[in-house]
N, C-alpha and C. Protein backbone atom coordinates (compact mmCIF):
# COMPACT_ATOMS: atom_id res chain seq x y z
N MET A 1 37.98 116.69 26.94
CA MET A 1 39.27 117.52 27.30
C MET A 1 40.19 116.47 27.26
N ILE A 2 41.08 116.94 26.08
CA ILE A 2 42.33 115.67 26.14
C ILE A 2 43.32 115.80 27.20
N SER A 3 43.99 115.20 27.33
CA SER A 3 44.54 114.74 28.74
C SER A 3 45.85 115.03 28.49
N SER A 4 46.55 115.52 29.41
CA SER A 4 48.33 116.06 29.45
C SER A 4 48.93 115.05 28.64
N ASP A 5 48.31 113.59 29.15
CA ASP A 5 49.59 112.54 28.69
C ASP A 5 49.31 112.57 27.01
N LEU A 6 48.33 112.58 26.71
CA LEU A 6 48.06 112.52 25.35
C LEU A 6 48.60 113.54 24.40
N LEU A 7 48.40 114.58 25.46
CA LEU A 7 49.40 115.58 24.70
C LEU A 7 50.90 115.80 24.41
N THR A 8 51.12 115.27 25.86
CA THR A 8 52.49 114.78 25.82
C THR A 8 53.43 113.88 24.68
N SER A 9 52.32 112.98 24.69
CA SER A 9 52.42 111.70 23.32
C SER A 9 52.74 112.61 22.05
N PHE A 10 51.44 113.11 21.80
CA PHE A 10 51.18 113.83 20.42
C PHE A 10 52.75 114.70 20.20
N ALA A 11 53.13 115.71 21.22
CA ALA A 11 54.37 116.56 21.11
C ALA A 11 55.58 115.24 21.04
N ARG A 12 55.68 114.48 21.34
CA ARG A 12 56.87 113.62 21.66
C ARG A 12 56.80 112.78 19.88
N ASN A 13 55.89 112.66 19.43
CA ASN A 13 55.60 111.81 18.27
C ASN A 13 55.91 112.94 16.85
N GLU A 14 55.47 114.43 17.14
CA GLU A 14 55.63 115.12 16.22
C GLU A 14 57.34 115.48 16.48
N ARG A 15 57.61 115.73 17.50
CA ARG A 15 59.00 116.04 17.68
C ARG A 15 60.28 114.73 16.81
N SER A 16 59.67 113.52 17.01
CA SER A 16 60.27 112.49 16.44
C SER A 16 59.93 112.42 14.82
N PHE A 17 58.99 112.64 14.29
CA PHE A 17 58.33 112.83 12.95
C PHE A 17 59.59 113.88 12.28
N ARG A 18 59.62 115.16 12.91
CA ARG A 18 60.39 116.11 12.26
C ARG A 18 61.69 115.76 12.37
N GLN A 19 62.62 114.71 12.89
CA GLN A 19 63.68 114.79 13.39
C GLN A 19 64.31 113.53 12.22
N ARG A 20 62.92 112.59 11.91
CA ARG A 20 63.48 111.95 10.94
C ARG A 20 63.28 112.52 9.49
N MET A 21 62.22 113.33 9.63
CA MET A 21 62.18 113.98 8.05
C MET A 21 63.71 115.06 7.84
N ILE A 22 64.45 115.40 9.18
CA ILE A 22 65.46 116.21 9.02
C ILE A 22 66.72 115.34 8.84
N GLU A 23 66.59 113.84 9.23
CA GLU A 23 67.96 113.22 8.70
C GLU A 23 67.38 112.54 7.38
N ASN A 24 66.24 112.42 6.97
CA ASN A 24 65.94 111.90 5.51
C ASN A 24 67.02 113.03 4.70
N GLN A 25 66.39 114.28 4.82
CA GLN A 25 66.78 114.89 3.97
C GLN A 25 68.00 115.33 4.48
N THR A 26 68.67 115.23 5.15
CA THR A 26 70.25 115.14 5.24
C THR A 26 70.91 114.07 4.62
N THR A 27 70.14 113.00 4.59
CA THR A 27 70.62 111.48 4.02
C THR A 27 70.68 111.77 2.05
N ASP A 28 69.37 112.12 1.96
CA ASP A 28 68.89 112.51 0.68
C ASP A 28 70.12 113.52 -0.26
N LYS A 29 70.43 114.54 0.38
CA LYS A 29 71.43 115.43 0.01
C LYS A 29 72.55 115.31 0.28
N ARG A 30 73.20 114.54 0.68
CA ARG A 30 74.08 113.84 0.93
C ARG A 30 74.45 113.24 -0.16
N PHE A 31 73.45 111.89 -0.33
CA PHE A 31 73.63 110.86 -1.76
C PHE A 31 73.85 111.83 -2.81
N LEU A 32 72.91 112.91 -3.06
CA LEU A 32 72.79 113.76 -4.35
C LEU A 32 74.23 114.47 -4.46
N ILE A 33 74.87 114.57 -3.34
CA ILE A 33 76.40 115.44 -3.76
C ILE A 33 77.12 114.24 -4.25
N LEU A 34 77.19 112.98 -3.51
CA LEU A 34 77.76 112.02 -4.16
C LEU A 34 77.71 111.46 -5.53
N GLU A 35 76.35 111.68 -5.72
CA GLU A 35 76.23 110.94 -7.03
C GLU A 35 76.52 111.83 -8.07
N THR A 36 76.52 113.07 -7.96
CA THR A 36 76.42 114.64 -8.86
C THR A 36 78.09 114.40 -8.84
N THR A 37 78.85 114.31 -7.70
CA THR A 37 80.35 114.38 -7.91
C THR A 37 80.81 112.75 -9.19
N LEU A 38 80.47 111.86 -8.28
CA LEU A 38 80.80 110.87 -9.29
C LEU A 38 80.64 111.08 -10.95
N ASN A 39 79.34 111.54 -11.24
CA ASN A 39 79.13 111.74 -13.02
C ASN A 39 79.92 112.96 -13.07
N LEU A 40 80.42 113.67 -12.11
CA LEU A 40 80.94 114.88 -13.04
C LEU A 40 82.63 114.25 -13.28
N ILE A 41 83.09 113.81 -12.23
CA ILE A 41 84.44 113.60 -11.99
C ILE A 41 84.84 112.22 -12.74
N THR A 42 84.06 111.52 -13.26
CA THR A 42 83.84 110.08 -14.53
C THR A 42 83.63 110.86 -15.64
N ASP A 43 82.96 111.82 -15.99
CA ASP A 43 82.95 112.65 -17.26
C ASP A 43 84.26 113.82 -17.48
N TYR A 44 84.61 114.66 -16.74
CA TYR A 44 85.76 115.85 -16.85
C TYR A 44 87.12 115.43 -15.89
N GLY A 45 86.70 114.32 -14.87
CA GLY A 45 88.01 114.62 -14.46
C GLY A 45 88.22 114.95 -12.94
N PHE A 46 89.04 115.08 -12.30
CA PHE A 46 89.33 115.49 -10.73
C PHE A 46 89.46 116.75 -10.77
N HIS A 47 90.32 117.19 -11.81
CA HIS A 47 90.76 118.62 -12.14
C HIS A 47 89.87 119.54 -12.11
N ALA A 48 89.37 119.40 -13.19
CA ALA A 48 88.19 120.05 -13.89
C ALA A 48 86.53 120.09 -13.46
N THR A 49 86.93 119.51 -12.15
CA THR A 49 85.42 119.53 -11.35
C THR A 49 85.73 119.82 -10.12
N PRO A 50 85.49 121.28 -10.12
CA PRO A 50 85.33 121.79 -8.79
C PRO A 50 84.18 121.84 -7.94
N ILE A 51 84.34 122.32 -6.64
CA ILE A 51 82.97 122.28 -5.79
C ILE A 51 82.05 123.21 -6.78
N SER A 52 82.33 124.10 -7.14
CA SER A 52 81.09 125.10 -7.75
C SER A 52 80.25 124.29 -8.91
N LEU A 53 81.02 123.76 -9.50
CA LEU A 53 80.57 122.82 -10.76
C LEU A 53 79.34 121.61 -10.13
N ILE A 54 79.96 121.21 -8.78
CA ILE A 54 79.26 119.94 -7.94
C ILE A 54 78.11 120.74 -7.76
N ALA A 55 78.07 121.89 -7.06
CA ALA A 55 76.97 122.59 -6.47
C ALA A 55 75.85 122.89 -7.47
N GLN A 56 76.50 123.48 -8.83
CA GLN A 56 75.70 123.87 -9.70
C GLN A 56 74.39 122.75 -10.06
N HIS A 57 75.59 121.52 -10.63
CA HIS A 57 74.70 120.41 -11.36
C HIS A 57 73.48 119.68 -10.07
N ALA A 58 74.28 119.90 -8.79
CA ALA A 58 73.40 118.99 -7.79
C ALA A 58 72.21 119.93 -7.45
N GLY A 59 72.31 121.25 -7.79
CA GLY A 59 71.25 122.00 -7.44
C GLY A 59 71.00 122.42 -5.93
N VAL A 60 72.39 122.71 -5.08
CA VAL A 60 72.81 123.07 -4.11
C VAL A 60 73.60 124.33 -3.93
N GLY A 61 73.93 124.94 -2.79
CA GLY A 61 74.58 126.01 -2.61
C GLY A 61 75.99 125.47 -2.27
N ALA A 62 77.14 126.31 -2.69
CA ALA A 62 78.64 125.56 -2.19
C ALA A 62 78.57 125.37 -0.58
N GLY A 63 77.97 126.05 -0.21
CA GLY A 63 78.02 126.06 1.03
C GLY A 63 77.04 124.84 1.93
N THR A 64 76.32 124.50 1.19
CA THR A 64 75.77 123.22 1.77
C THR A 64 76.84 122.02 1.25
N ILE A 65 77.15 122.00 0.60
CA ILE A 65 78.33 120.77 0.00
C ILE A 65 79.48 120.89 1.46
N TYR A 66 80.19 122.11 1.81
CA TYR A 66 80.83 122.04 2.53
C TYR A 66 80.63 122.06 4.18
N ARG A 67 79.09 121.92 3.96
CA ARG A 67 78.55 121.33 5.55
C ARG A 67 78.71 119.96 5.81
N TYR A 68 78.89 119.39 4.42
CA TYR A 68 78.69 117.81 4.92
C TYR A 68 80.40 117.14 4.66
N PHE A 69 81.07 117.76 3.70
CA PHE A 69 82.47 117.93 3.36
C PHE A 69 83.61 118.69 3.39
N ASP A 70 84.73 118.37 4.09
CA ASP A 70 85.67 119.54 4.31
C ASP A 70 86.30 120.25 3.11
N ASN A 71 86.39 119.72 2.13
CA ASN A 71 86.79 120.15 1.26
C ASN A 71 86.41 119.01 -0.52
N LYS A 72 87.00 119.19 -1.40
CA LYS A 72 86.69 118.32 -2.29
C LYS A 72 87.40 117.12 -2.13
N GLU A 73 88.56 117.13 -1.50
CA GLU A 73 89.14 115.93 -1.25
C GLU A 73 88.28 115.00 -0.45
N HIS A 74 87.86 115.47 0.60
CA HIS A 74 87.59 114.75 1.85
C HIS A 74 85.76 114.51 1.07
N LEU A 75 85.17 115.05 -0.30
CA LEU A 75 84.33 114.45 -0.57
C LEU A 75 84.43 113.63 -1.83
N ILE A 76 85.43 113.26 -2.34
CA ILE A 76 86.12 112.23 -3.29
C ILE A 76 86.79 110.78 -2.15
N ASN A 77 87.22 110.92 -0.87
CA ASN A 77 87.69 110.13 0.17
C ASN A 77 85.91 109.48 0.42
N GLU A 78 85.23 110.62 0.69
CA GLU A 78 83.69 109.60 1.26
C GLU A 78 82.84 109.09 -0.27
N LEU A 79 82.99 109.38 -0.93
CA LEU A 79 82.53 108.77 -2.24
C LEU A 79 83.04 107.69 -2.33
N PHE A 80 84.83 107.37 -2.54
CA PHE A 80 85.29 106.08 -2.66
C PHE A 80 84.98 105.17 -1.56
N THR A 81 84.99 105.68 -0.28
CA THR A 81 84.39 104.40 0.75
C THR A 81 82.85 104.25 0.27
N ALA A 82 81.83 104.87 -0.05
CA ALA A 82 80.47 104.90 -0.21
C ALA A 82 80.39 103.59 -1.20
N ILE A 83 80.88 104.09 -2.60
CA ILE A 83 81.28 102.90 -3.49
C ILE A 83 81.61 101.32 -2.90
N LYS A 84 82.70 101.63 -2.36
CA LYS A 84 83.13 100.17 -1.55
C LYS A 84 82.25 99.37 -1.06
N LYS A 85 81.67 100.39 -0.36
CA LYS A 85 80.19 99.44 0.93
C LYS A 85 79.44 99.09 -0.39
N ARG A 86 79.20 99.64 -1.67
CA ARG A 86 78.10 99.19 -2.38
C ARG A 86 78.60 97.57 -3.12
N VAL A 87 79.82 97.73 -3.39
CA VAL A 87 80.89 96.37 -3.86
C VAL A 87 80.55 95.30 -3.05
N ILE A 88 81.14 95.58 -1.78
CA ILE A 88 80.90 94.19 -0.84
C ILE A 88 79.41 93.97 -0.89
N LYS A 89 78.16 94.96 -0.63
CA LYS A 89 77.30 94.42 -0.25
C LYS A 89 76.84 93.77 -1.75
N ALA A 90 76.84 94.14 -2.95
CA ALA A 90 76.94 93.26 -3.88
C ALA A 90 77.52 92.10 -4.15
N MET A 91 78.76 92.02 -3.76
CA MET A 91 79.52 90.44 -3.76
C MET A 91 78.72 89.49 -2.96
N LEU A 92 78.30 89.94 -1.69
CA LEU A 92 77.63 89.28 -0.35
C LEU A 92 76.56 88.78 -0.98
N LYS A 93 75.53 89.51 -2.09
CA LYS A 93 74.29 89.24 -2.45
C LYS A 93 74.17 87.41 -2.46
N ASP A 94 73.23 86.81 -1.88
CA ASP A 94 72.84 85.47 -2.02
C ASP A 94 73.88 84.76 -1.49
N TYR A 95 75.16 85.40 -1.15
CA TYR A 95 76.09 84.22 -0.84
C TYR A 95 76.05 83.22 0.40
N ARG A 96 76.24 82.28 0.15
CA ARG A 96 75.86 80.94 1.29
C ARG A 96 77.28 80.40 1.84
N GLU A 97 77.66 80.30 3.11
CA GLU A 97 78.70 79.84 3.68
C GLU A 97 78.90 78.28 4.05
N GLU A 98 77.70 77.69 3.16
CA GLU A 98 77.37 75.97 3.26
C GLU A 98 77.99 75.60 1.99
N GLY A 99 78.15 76.32 0.91
CA GLY A 99 78.65 76.15 -0.23
C GLY A 99 80.15 75.33 -0.16
N THR A 100 80.63 74.67 -1.08
CA THR A 100 82.15 74.56 -0.93
C THR A 100 82.86 75.79 -1.34
N TYR A 101 84.18 75.87 -1.20
CA TYR A 101 84.93 76.98 -1.44
C TYR A 101 85.22 77.28 -3.03
N LYS A 102 84.91 76.56 -3.73
CA LYS A 102 85.10 76.98 -5.22
C LYS A 102 83.58 77.34 -5.17
N GLU A 103 82.59 76.84 -5.19
CA GLU A 103 81.20 77.80 -5.48
C GLU A 103 80.94 78.97 -4.43
N ARG A 104 81.94 78.95 -3.68
CA ARG A 104 81.67 80.64 -2.79
C ARG A 104 82.58 81.58 -3.57
N PHE A 105 83.70 81.12 -3.84
CA PHE A 105 84.54 81.36 -4.76
C PHE A 105 84.29 82.54 -6.14
N LYS A 106 83.39 81.49 -6.82
CA LYS A 106 82.64 81.80 -8.12
C LYS A 106 81.98 82.77 -7.79
N HIS A 107 80.84 82.13 -6.46
CA HIS A 107 79.88 83.15 -6.47
C HIS A 107 80.29 84.88 -6.37
N LEU A 108 81.36 84.92 -5.35
CA LEU A 108 81.80 86.04 -5.40
C LEU A 108 82.41 87.12 -6.33
N TRP A 109 83.17 85.98 -7.37
CA TRP A 109 83.63 86.51 -8.44
C TRP A 109 82.61 87.10 -9.54
N ARG A 110 81.70 86.23 -9.58
CA ARG A 110 80.74 86.56 -10.38
C ARG A 110 80.15 87.84 -10.40
N ASN A 111 79.60 87.91 -9.03
CA ASN A 111 78.64 89.06 -8.35
C ASN A 111 79.82 90.15 -8.30
N LEU A 112 81.02 90.17 -8.53
CA LEU A 112 81.99 91.54 -8.75
C LEU A 112 81.63 91.73 -10.38
N ILE A 113 82.09 91.06 -10.94
CA ILE A 113 82.18 91.43 -12.63
C ILE A 113 80.81 91.88 -12.97
N GLN A 114 79.63 91.28 -12.19
CA GLN A 114 78.45 91.82 -12.57
C GLN A 114 78.12 93.24 -12.30
N TYR A 115 78.54 93.32 -10.88
CA TYR A 115 78.59 95.12 -10.25
C TYR A 115 79.29 95.69 -11.42
N CYS A 116 80.32 95.47 -11.45
CA CYS A 116 81.21 96.41 -12.21
C CYS A 116 80.40 96.72 -13.56
N ILE A 117 80.03 95.59 -14.44
CA ILE A 117 79.42 95.87 -15.46
C ILE A 117 78.21 96.68 -15.87
N ALA A 118 77.75 96.55 -14.49
CA ALA A 118 75.74 97.26 -14.75
C ALA A 118 76.12 98.47 -13.94
N ASN A 119 77.67 98.88 -13.43
CA ASN A 119 77.83 100.18 -12.54
C ASN A 119 78.88 100.63 -13.10
N PRO A 120 79.22 101.15 -14.72
CA PRO A 120 80.09 101.39 -15.51
C PRO A 120 80.97 102.69 -14.35
N LYS A 121 80.13 103.72 -13.74
CA LYS A 121 80.85 105.10 -13.66
C LYS A 121 81.50 104.84 -12.35
N GLU A 122 80.60 103.95 -11.42
CA GLU A 122 81.73 103.54 -10.02
C GLU A 122 82.95 102.81 -10.37
N PHE A 123 82.97 101.94 -11.66
CA PHE A 123 84.15 101.06 -11.95
C PHE A 123 84.82 101.81 -12.21
N GLN A 124 84.45 102.99 -13.16
CA GLN A 124 85.61 103.49 -13.54
C GLN A 124 86.41 104.66 -12.73
N PHE A 125 85.18 105.02 -12.03
CA PHE A 125 85.82 105.86 -11.08
C PHE A 125 87.15 105.35 -9.97
N VAL A 126 86.82 104.28 -9.47
CA VAL A 126 87.59 103.20 -8.64
C VAL A 126 88.56 103.14 -9.33
N GLU A 127 88.45 102.61 -10.49
CA GLU A 127 89.95 101.95 -11.26
C GLU A 127 90.71 103.79 -11.43
N GLN A 128 90.14 104.55 -11.81
CA GLN A 128 90.88 105.43 -12.26
C GLN A 128 91.75 106.45 -11.04
N TYR A 129 90.81 106.15 -9.57
CA TYR A 129 91.33 107.33 -8.34
C TYR A 129 91.87 106.43 -7.07
N ARG A 130 92.02 104.95 -7.23
CA ARG A 130 92.05 103.95 -6.52
C ARG A 130 93.58 104.19 -5.79
N TYR A 131 94.52 104.62 -6.76
CA TYR A 131 95.99 104.98 -6.13
C TYR A 131 96.12 106.59 -6.08
N ALA A 132 95.33 107.12 -6.51
CA ALA A 132 95.32 108.74 -6.15
C ALA A 132 96.22 109.26 -5.30
N PRO A 133 96.75 110.17 -4.79
CA PRO A 133 97.71 110.69 -3.94
C PRO A 133 96.38 111.14 -2.86
N PHE A 134 95.36 111.94 -3.20
CA PHE A 134 94.28 112.43 -2.84
C PHE A 134 93.50 111.32 -1.81
N VAL A 135 93.58 109.88 -2.20
CA VAL A 135 92.83 109.15 -1.53
C VAL A 135 93.95 108.50 -0.03
N SER A 136 93.13 109.22 0.87
CA SER A 136 94.12 108.51 2.15
C SER A 136 94.24 107.22 2.86
N ASN A 137 95.41 107.40 3.73
CA ASN A 137 95.70 106.15 4.24
C ASN A 137 94.67 105.84 5.01
N MET A 138 93.88 106.43 5.47
CA MET A 138 92.66 106.24 6.62
C MET A 138 91.44 105.55 5.59
N THR A 139 91.34 106.32 4.51
CA THR A 139 90.17 105.54 3.55
C THR A 139 90.71 103.81 3.16
N ARG A 140 91.77 103.96 2.84
CA ARG A 140 92.30 102.96 2.26
C ARG A 140 92.43 101.91 3.11
N GLU A 141 92.87 102.07 4.74
CA GLU A 141 92.36 101.36 6.25
C GLU A 141 91.03 100.74 5.83
N GLU A 142 90.01 102.00 5.71
CA GLU A 142 88.69 101.66 6.13
C GLU A 142 88.43 100.65 5.21
N THR A 143 88.66 100.96 3.74
CA THR A 143 88.53 99.98 2.63
C THR A 143 88.54 98.93 3.13
N PHE A 144 89.71 98.40 3.56
CA PHE A 144 90.51 96.88 3.86
C PHE A 144 89.39 96.45 4.57
N ILE A 145 88.65 97.20 6.05
CA ILE A 145 87.97 96.50 6.70
C ILE A 145 86.56 96.62 6.08
N ILE A 146 85.90 97.28 5.73
CA ILE A 146 84.91 97.14 4.81
C ILE A 146 84.94 95.71 4.21
N LEU A 147 86.37 95.43 3.27
CA LEU A 147 86.39 93.81 2.51
C LEU A 147 86.47 93.07 3.25
N GLY A 148 86.42 93.14 5.09
CA GLY A 148 86.99 91.97 5.98
C GLY A 148 86.04 90.81 5.42
N PRO A 149 85.16 90.57 5.31
CA PRO A 149 84.26 89.35 4.85
C PRO A 149 84.93 88.48 3.63
N ILE A 150 85.60 89.28 2.72
CA ILE A 150 85.83 88.61 1.62
C ILE A 150 87.26 87.92 1.81
N MET A 151 87.76 89.14 2.68
CA MET A 151 89.53 88.80 3.21
C MET A 151 89.24 87.41 4.26
N GLN A 152 88.48 87.23 4.69
CA GLN A 152 87.87 86.39 6.34
C GLN A 152 87.94 84.99 5.01
N PHE A 153 87.28 85.42 3.90
CA PHE A 153 86.86 83.97 3.07
C PHE A 153 88.20 83.40 2.37
N PHE A 154 88.97 84.23 1.74
CA PHE A 154 90.45 83.65 1.31
C PHE A 154 91.26 83.15 2.74
N ILE A 155 91.25 83.69 3.52
CA ILE A 155 92.23 83.37 4.96
C ILE A 155 91.61 81.93 5.42
N GLU A 156 90.04 81.73 5.51
CA GLU A 156 89.57 80.33 5.89
C GLU A 156 90.12 79.69 4.82
N SER A 157 89.90 79.78 3.41
CA SER A 157 90.20 79.08 2.32
C SER A 157 91.63 78.29 2.33
N LYS A 158 92.63 79.27 2.73
CA LYS A 158 93.89 79.04 2.49
C LYS A 158 94.12 78.06 4.09
N ARG A 159 93.56 78.28 4.95
CA ARG A 159 93.61 77.49 6.43
C ARG A 159 93.20 76.00 6.01
N ALA A 160 92.53 75.74 4.87
CA ALA A 160 91.62 74.97 4.88
C ALA A 160 92.56 74.00 3.64
N LYS A 161 93.10 74.60 3.00
CA LYS A 161 94.22 73.96 2.16
C LYS A 161 93.01 74.06 0.79
N ALA A 162 92.18 74.82 0.80
CA ALA A 162 91.20 74.79 -0.99
C ALA A 162 91.54 75.76 -1.75
N MET A 163 92.78 76.83 -1.19
CA MET A 163 93.55 77.52 -1.73
C MET A 163 95.02 77.91 -1.58
N LYS A 164 95.96 77.86 -2.23
CA LYS A 164 97.13 77.91 -2.39
C LYS A 164 97.52 78.87 -1.03
N ASP A 165 98.51 78.82 -0.71
CA ASP A 165 99.06 79.78 0.69
C ASP A 165 99.88 80.95 -0.32
N LEU A 166 99.09 81.75 -0.68
CA LEU A 166 99.54 82.66 -1.47
C LEU A 166 99.41 84.06 -0.26
N PRO A 167 100.05 85.01 -0.66
CA PRO A 167 99.63 86.14 0.11
C PRO A 167 98.38 87.01 -0.05
N LEU A 168 97.47 87.31 0.68
CA LEU A 168 96.40 88.13 0.24
C LEU A 168 96.64 88.79 -0.82
N TYR A 169 97.18 89.94 -0.59
CA TYR A 169 97.56 90.62 -2.16
C TYR A 169 97.84 90.11 -3.58
N THR A 170 98.42 88.90 -3.29
CA THR A 170 98.28 88.23 -4.59
C THR A 170 97.10 87.44 -5.29
N ILE A 171 96.21 86.84 -4.01
CA ILE A 171 94.92 86.32 -4.61
C ILE A 171 94.23 87.49 -5.03
N ILE A 172 94.11 88.84 -4.41
CA ILE A 172 93.14 89.99 -4.85
C ILE A 172 93.74 90.02 -6.42
N ALA A 173 95.07 90.39 -6.63
CA ALA A 173 95.30 90.06 -8.00
C ALA A 173 95.17 89.37 -8.78
N LEU A 174 95.26 88.26 -8.39
CA LEU A 174 94.54 87.29 -9.11
C LEU A 174 93.16 87.04 -9.45
N LEU A 175 92.26 87.44 -8.79
CA LEU A 175 90.89 87.69 -8.48
C LEU A 175 90.38 88.92 -9.14
N TYR A 176 90.95 89.81 -9.06
CA TYR A 176 90.69 91.44 -9.42
C TYR A 176 91.15 91.88 -10.89
N GLY A 177 92.13 91.22 -11.09
CA GLY A 177 92.80 91.57 -12.18
C GLY A 177 92.06 91.16 -13.49
N PRO A 178 91.72 89.87 -13.65
CA PRO A 178 90.75 89.79 -14.93
C PRO A 178 89.45 90.46 -15.15
N ILE A 179 88.90 90.55 -13.94
CA ILE A 179 87.73 91.14 -13.59
C ILE A 179 87.82 92.42 -14.43
N VAL A 180 88.88 93.11 -14.09
CA VAL A 180 89.22 94.85 -15.00
C VAL A 180 89.32 94.89 -16.27
N SER A 181 90.04 93.60 -16.66
CA SER A 181 90.18 93.76 -18.06
C SER A 181 89.06 92.95 -18.76
N LEU A 182 88.35 92.06 -18.18
CA LEU A 182 87.06 91.87 -18.65
C LEU A 182 85.94 92.71 -18.61
N ALA A 183 85.83 93.66 -17.79
CA ALA A 183 84.80 94.49 -17.66
C ALA A 183 85.02 95.63 -18.45
N LYS A 184 86.06 95.85 -18.93
CA LYS A 184 86.61 97.24 -19.58
C LYS A 184 86.63 96.70 -21.14
N LEU A 185 86.88 95.23 -21.69
CA LEU A 185 86.39 94.92 -22.84
C LEU A 185 84.97 94.96 -23.17
N HIS A 186 83.99 94.44 -22.11
CA HIS A 186 82.36 94.61 -22.24
C HIS A 186 82.27 96.13 -22.47
N LEU A 187 82.88 96.84 -21.67
CA LEU A 187 82.25 98.38 -21.67
C LEU A 187 82.90 99.10 -22.71
N ASP A 188 84.27 99.54 -23.10
CA ASP A 188 84.97 100.46 -23.84
C ASP A 188 84.55 99.40 -25.08
N HIS A 189 85.06 98.37 -25.66
CA HIS A 189 84.84 97.66 -26.83
C HIS A 189 83.78 96.81 -27.21
N ASN A 190 82.58 97.19 -26.75
CA ASN A 190 81.53 96.50 -27.08
C ASN A 190 81.86 95.02 -27.14
N GLN A 191 82.31 94.25 -26.32
CA GLN A 191 82.47 92.56 -26.16
C GLN A 191 81.83 91.95 -25.34
N GLN A 192 80.70 91.53 -25.94
CA GLN A 192 79.58 90.72 -24.85
C GLN A 192 79.96 89.97 -24.23
N LEU A 193 79.98 89.97 -22.62
CA LEU A 193 80.19 89.12 -21.85
C LEU A 193 79.23 88.53 -21.61
N THR A 194 78.99 87.01 -22.29
CA THR A 194 77.88 86.20 -21.90
C THR A 194 78.22 85.50 -20.54
N GLU A 195 76.69 84.84 -20.28
CA GLU A 195 77.04 83.86 -18.84
C GLU A 195 77.82 83.00 -18.96
N GLU A 196 77.90 82.03 -20.34
CA GLU A 196 78.90 81.43 -20.53
C GLU A 196 80.58 81.77 -20.24
N ARG A 197 80.62 82.83 -20.90
CA ARG A 197 81.86 83.46 -20.91
C ARG A 197 82.64 83.72 -19.28
N ILE A 198 81.47 84.29 -18.79
CA ILE A 198 82.12 84.93 -17.14
C ILE A 198 82.14 83.60 -16.47
N ASP A 199 81.27 82.44 -16.89
CA ASP A 199 81.52 80.96 -15.81
C ASP A 199 83.03 80.86 -16.39
N GLN A 200 83.34 80.74 -17.49
CA GLN A 200 84.52 80.10 -17.75
C GLN A 200 86.00 80.54 -17.34
N ALA A 201 85.39 82.39 -17.18
CA ALA A 201 86.58 83.30 -16.45
C ALA A 201 86.80 82.73 -15.25
N SER A 202 85.74 82.82 -14.36
CA SER A 202 85.50 82.72 -12.79
C SER A 202 86.42 81.49 -12.92
N GLU A 203 85.82 80.17 -13.53
CA GLU A 203 86.69 78.75 -13.61
C GLU A 203 88.17 79.07 -13.58
N ALA A 204 88.29 79.50 -14.48
CA ALA A 204 90.05 79.96 -14.78
C ALA A 204 90.68 80.38 -13.44
N CYS A 205 89.68 81.48 -12.87
CA CYS A 205 90.65 81.82 -12.07
C CYS A 205 90.31 81.90 -10.73
N TRP A 206 89.64 80.40 -10.70
CA TRP A 206 89.65 79.24 -9.34
C TRP A 206 90.94 78.70 -9.98
N ASP A 207 91.04 78.37 -10.60
CA ASP A 207 91.93 77.27 -11.25
C ASP A 207 93.87 78.36 -10.57
N ALA A 208 93.54 79.56 -11.00
CA ALA A 208 94.81 80.10 -10.46
C ALA A 208 95.04 80.22 -8.99
N VAL A 209 94.45 79.80 -8.34
CA VAL A 209 94.36 79.99 -6.98
C VAL A 209 94.22 78.72 -5.67
N SER A 210 93.48 77.55 -6.55
CA SER A 210 93.16 76.56 -5.74
C SER A 210 94.22 75.54 -5.80
N TYR A 211 94.53 74.73 -5.26
CA TYR A 211 94.90 73.22 -4.76
C TYR A 211 94.16 72.38 -5.78
N LYS A 212 94.91 72.11 -6.93
CA LYS A 212 94.36 70.97 -7.73
C LYS A 212 93.41 69.73 -7.01
N SER A 213 93.45 69.33 -6.20
CA SER A 213 92.67 68.33 -5.22
C SER A 213 91.39 68.90 -5.24
N GLU A 214 91.33 70.49 -5.09
CA GLU A 214 89.83 70.94 -4.20
C GLU A 214 88.95 70.85 -5.98
N LYS A 215 87.97 70.47 -5.65
CA LYS A 215 86.75 70.77 -6.71
C LYS A 215 85.97 71.23 -6.48
C-alpha cells in the first residue's frame, strides 16, 4: 500500500512539473513573439507591421500577443530592452577585471562590434529605433541600468586616470560611433572586417579616450 506521504510528494512533484511546463511555454511563446516582431519590423518598418501581421507570422492569435503586451508600442519597448540585455551579455563574455584598462576596453569594444556583425537585425533595429518617440523614458532608463557594468568601467577608468576626464556620453559616442560605421560597412557594403582591421579600430578608439601615458 502506498503511503500518504508518498502520494503527497507525488502530487507536489506533479504540480511543480506542470508549473514548470506552463512557465516554459510562456517564455517560449513570448520569445517567439519578440523574435517575429524583430524580423518583421526590420523588413517592413514599424508602421507596416501591425499586430495582426505579427500574430500571423508567429502562428498565434492576436489575443495571445495582448496577453503578454499591452499594445505594439509596449511590445517594441520590451524588444528593445531584451536586445540590450543580450548586448551587455555579449560584451561581458570572457571579460576579466584583472586586465589593464586598455585590455579591458579593447575586449569590450571587440565583443560589441562582433555582436553587431553577427546579429544584423538586432543591430539594425537598435540603430533605427533608439531615438524613436515610442521608445519610452522608462525603457531608456532601464537600458542605462542594464549598461551599468560598462558605465562603471568608464567611471573607474576615469578615476584611475586611464581615460580622459570626458562626460560619459562623449566616451560612449567615441566608443560606439566607429562601431556603427564599421558594422554598416561590413553588413551593407560587403567590406570585410578582418581581425586585424577590428584590432586596429579598437586601438584607435582607445587612443581617442585614453591618456597617452596609459599603455
